[in-house]
Protein backbone atom coordinates (compact mmCIF):
# COMPACT_ATOMS: atom_id res chain seq x y z
CA MET A 1 -17.18 -201.93 24.99
CA MET A 2 -18.83 -199.61 27.65
CA LYS A 3 -20.55 -200.55 30.99
CA GLY A 4 -23.43 -199.83 32.52
CA GLY A 5 -25.18 -196.49 31.41
CA VAL A 6 -29.09 -196.12 31.93
CA ASN A 7 -31.01 -199.00 31.65
CA GLY A 8 -27.86 -200.63 29.72
CA VAL A 9 -28.20 -197.87 27.05
CA PHE A 10 -24.08 -198.51 26.26
CA ARG A 11 -24.96 -202.27 24.93
CA GLN A 12 -27.16 -201.56 23.29
CA GLY A 13 -26.48 -197.97 21.20
CA TYR A 14 -28.79 -195.43 21.33
CA ASP A 15 -31.50 -196.59 18.58
CA ARG A 16 -34.97 -194.33 18.79
CA GLN A 17 -38.14 -196.46 18.04
CA LYS A 18 -40.01 -193.57 15.70
CA ASP A 19 -39.51 -189.63 14.89
CA ILE A 20 -42.62 -187.91 16.78
CA THR A 21 -44.76 -187.29 14.33
CA ILE A 22 -45.98 -183.47 12.55
CA GLU A 23 -49.17 -184.55 13.78
CA GLU A 24 -48.72 -185.14 17.05
CA VAL A 25 -46.49 -181.99 17.01
CA LYS A 26 -49.87 -180.09 15.79
CA ALA A 27 -51.83 -181.46 18.59
CA CYS A 28 -50.04 -179.85 21.12
CA GLY A 29 -51.90 -177.09 21.23
CA VAL A 30 -48.88 -174.90 21.40
CA PHE A 31 -47.91 -175.79 17.65
CA ALA A 32 -52.14 -175.94 16.96
CA HIS A 33 -51.26 -173.10 14.56
CA PHE A 34 -48.08 -173.89 12.73
CA THR A 35 -47.86 -175.29 9.26
CA ASP A 36 -46.60 -178.69 8.31
CA GLU A 37 -42.94 -177.11 7.45
CA GLU A 38 -43.10 -175.33 10.16
CA ALA A 39 -44.63 -178.72 12.79
CA GLN A 40 -41.79 -180.43 10.63
CA GLN A 41 -38.80 -178.53 12.34
CA VAL A 42 -39.58 -178.62 15.32
CA VAL A 43 -39.24 -181.85 14.54
CA ASP A 44 -35.71 -182.23 13.57
CA ALA A 45 -34.42 -179.59 15.66
CA LEU A 46 -36.53 -182.38 18.76
CA ARG A 47 -34.16 -184.93 17.10
CA ARG A 48 -31.16 -183.08 16.88
CA PHE A 49 -31.01 -181.89 20.50
CA THR A 50 -31.42 -186.10 21.51
CA GLU A 51 -28.86 -186.86 20.34
CA VAL A 52 -27.46 -183.73 21.64
CA VAL A 53 -27.55 -184.22 24.71
CA PHE A 54 -27.74 -188.51 24.40
CA ASP A 55 -23.89 -187.76 22.89
CA CYS A 56 -23.23 -185.14 26.27
CA TYR A 57 -24.54 -187.95 28.06
CA LYS A 58 -22.11 -190.81 26.83
CA ARG A 59 -19.40 -188.63 27.40
CA LYS A 60 -19.75 -187.85 31.35
CA GLN A 61 -20.54 -191.55 31.60
CA LEU A 62 -17.17 -192.67 29.48
CA ALA A 63 -15.44 -189.96 31.65
CA LEU A 64 -16.37 -191.26 35.23
CA GLN A 65 -16.20 -195.10 34.14
CA GLN A 66 -12.33 -194.35 32.26
CA THR A 67 -12.17 -192.27 36.07
CA SER A 68 -13.03 -194.78 38.83
CA ASP A 69 -10.88 -197.94 36.15
CA ASN A 70 -7.87 -195.98 37.74
């Protein structure tokens, strides 16, 4: 099991509490005119983006840990 990470993320894993809602997206001025379907696409894109960023972060942290273990 990996150690460290920001706030022990590696020990706990990535556990989103909840997704942003369509209503929250549409409450942001720039998205206010979006349909529910368009707002759902924003929700989906944000979810995927955070998964990609977190995966990159995990890989970097693993590489750093492996380097420091040698």
